């Protein structure tokens, strides 16, 4: 797939510790946390997300330049 994808770090029972990755391929993602997996977000639309959160523009640029960008949810 040759488009930016969104992945969430998730456990077997749906728990999400807060990391989200944007990358062109799952092959470039960092190791997930213990007991977690990176799962693709099927309905991800980069255009819609950046319209809803302009701060993602820089994250997407980083993903394009570096192959992957990680965002950690702040509690």
C-alpha atoms as a PDB file:
ATOM      1  CA  UNK A   1       0.000   0.000   0.000  1.00  0.00           C
ATOM      2  CA  UNK A   2       1.473   3.321  -1.016  1.00  0.00           C
ATOM      3  CA  UNK A   3      -0.381   5.736   1.251  1.00  0.00           C
ATOM      4  CA  UNK A   4      -0.038   6.933   4.791  1.00  0.00           C
ATOM      5  CA  UNK A   5      -1.619   4.523   7.258  1.00  0.00           C
ATOM      6  CA  UNK A   6      -2.585   4.843  10.914  1.00  0.00           C
ATOM      7  CA  UNK A   7      -1.797   2.161  13.506  1.00  0.00           C
ATOM      8  CA  UNK A   8      -2.775   1.981  17.161  1.00  0.00           C
ATOM      9  CA  UNK A   9      -0.924   0.036  19.795  1.00  0.00           C
ATOM     10  CA  UNK A  10      -3.451  -2.337  21.325  1.00  0.00           C
ATOM     11  CA  UNK A  11      -3.625  -5.346  23.620  1.00  0.00           C
ATOM     12  CA  UNK A  12      -5.554  -8.579  23.159  1.00  0.00           C
ATOM     13  CA  UNK A  13      -8.495  -7.284  25.192  1.00  0.00           C
ATOM     14  CA  UNK A  14      -8.721  -3.902  23.468  1.00  0.00           C
ATOM     15  CA  UNK A  15      -6.577  -1.947  25.926  1.00  0.00           C
ATOM     16  CA  UNK A  16      -4.784   0.999  24.342  1.00  0.00           C
ATOM     17  CA  UNK A  17      -1.878   2.573  26.190  1.00  0.00           C
ATOM     18  CA  UNK A  18      -1.975   5.683  24.015  1.00  0.00           C
ATOM     19  CA  UNK A  19       0.548   5.343  21.208  1.00  0.00           C
ATOM     20  CA  UNK A  20      -0.510   5.945  17.620  1.00  0.00           C
ATOM     21  CA  UNK A  21       1.799   5.500  14.632  1.00  0.00           C
ATOM     22  CA  UNK A  22       1.577   6.907  11.136  1.00  0.00           C
ATOM     23  CA  UNK A  23       3.592   5.092   8.466  1.00  0.00           C
ATOM     24  CA  UNK A  24       3.466   3.828   4.903  1.00  0.00           C
ATOM     25  CA  UNK A  25       4.128   0.255   6.009  1.00  0.00           C
ATOM     26  CA  UNK A  26       3.807  -1.775   9.202  1.00  0.00           C
ATOM     27  CA  UNK A  27       7.350  -3.026   8.541  1.00  0.00           C
ATOM     28  CA  UNK A  28       8.870   0.270   9.741  1.00  0.00           C
ATOM     29  CA  UNK A  29       6.962   0.473  13.042  1.00  0.00           C
ATOM     30  CA  UNK A  30       8.912   0.269  16.299  1.00  0.00           C
ATOM     31  CA  UNK A  31       8.420  -2.707  18.578  1.00  0.00           C
ATOM     32  CA  UNK A  32       5.079  -2.503  20.393  1.00  0.00           C
ATOM     33  CA  UNK A  33       4.947  -2.520  24.172  1.00  0.00           C
ATOM     34  CA  UNK A  34       4.909  -5.832  26.035  1.00  0.00           C
ATOM     35  CA  UNK A  35       1.696  -7.747  25.348  1.00  0.00           C
ATOM     36  CA  UNK A  36       0.613  -5.288  22.653  1.00  0.00           C
ATOM     37  CA  UNK A  37       0.418  -5.262  18.857  1.00  0.00           C
ATOM     38  CA  UNK A  38       0.247  -2.535  16.245  1.00  0.00           C
ATOM     39  CA  UNK A  39      -3.180  -2.692  14.603  1.00  0.00           C
ATOM     40  CA  UNK A  40      -4.122  -0.804  11.436  1.00  0.00           C
ATOM     41  CA  UNK A  41      -7.033   1.629  11.530  1.00  0.00           C
ATOM     42  CA  UNK A  42      -9.045   0.583   8.480  1.00  0.00           C
ATOM     43  CA  UNK A  43     -11.167   3.740   8.094  1.00  0.00           C
ATOM     44  CA  UNK A  44      -8.239   6.196   8.433  1.00  0.00           C
ATOM     45  CA  UNK A  45      -8.441   9.184   6.096  1.00  0.00           C
ATOM     46  CA  UNK A  46      -5.442  11.508   6.409  1.00  0.00           C
ATOM     47  CA  UNK A  47      -7.301  14.451   4.873  1.00  0.00           C
ATOM     48  CA  UNK A  48     -10.211  14.228   7.290  1.00  0.00           C
ATOM     49  CA  UNK A  49      -7.935  13.808  10.307  1.00  0.00           C
ATOM     50  CA  UNK A  50      -5.721  16.784   9.497  1.00  0.00           C
ATOM     51  CA  UNK A  51      -8.849  18.919   8.967  1.00  0.00           C
ATOM     52  CA  UNK A  52     -10.065  17.903  12.425  1.00  0.00           C
ATOM     53  CA  UNK A  53      -6.639  18.424  14.076  1.00  0.00           C
ATOM     54  CA  UNK A  54      -4.246  20.800  12.310  1.00  0.00           C
ATOM     55  CA  UNK A  55      -1.429  19.670  14.629  1.00  0.00           C
ATOM     56  CA  UNK A  56      -1.304  16.390  12.745  1.00  0.00           C
ATOM     57  CA  UNK A  57       0.134  18.154   9.706  1.00  0.00           C
ATOM     58  CA  UNK A  58       3.605  18.190  11.281  1.00  0.00           C
ATOM     59  CA  UNK A  59       3.214  14.553  12.370  1.00  0.00           C
ATOM     60  CA  UNK A  60       2.313  13.539   8.809  1.00  0.00           C
ATOM     61  CA  UNK A  61       5.309  15.479   7.446  1.00  0.00           C
ATOM     62  CA  UNK A  62       7.576  13.661   9.908  1.00  0.00           C
ATOM     63  CA  UNK A  63       6.116  10.302   8.845  1.00  0.00           C
ATOM     64  CA  UNK A  64       6.773  11.117   5.198  1.00  0.00           C
ATOM     65  CA  UNK A  65      10.375  12.230   5.874  1.00  0.00           C
ATOM     66  CA  UNK A  66      11.339   9.502   8.356  1.00  0.00           C
ATOM     67  CA  UNK A  67       9.055   6.644   7.321  1.00  0.00           C
ATOM     68  CA  UNK A  68       7.178   6.621  10.623  1.00  0.00           C
ATOM     69  CA  UNK A  69       5.938   9.064  13.255  1.00  0.00           C
ATOM     70  CA  UNK A  70       4.689   8.130  16.721  1.00  0.00           C
ATOM     71  CA  UNK A  71       2.218  10.154  18.757  1.00  0.00           C
ATOM     72  CA  UNK A  72       1.648   9.443  22.444  1.00  0.00           C
ATOM     73  CA  UNK A  73      -1.659  10.394  24.012  1.00  0.00           C
ATOM     74  CA  UNK A  74      -1.240  12.809  26.886  1.00  0.00           C
ATOM     75  CA  UNK A  75      -3.300  11.990  29.952  1.00  0.00           C
END
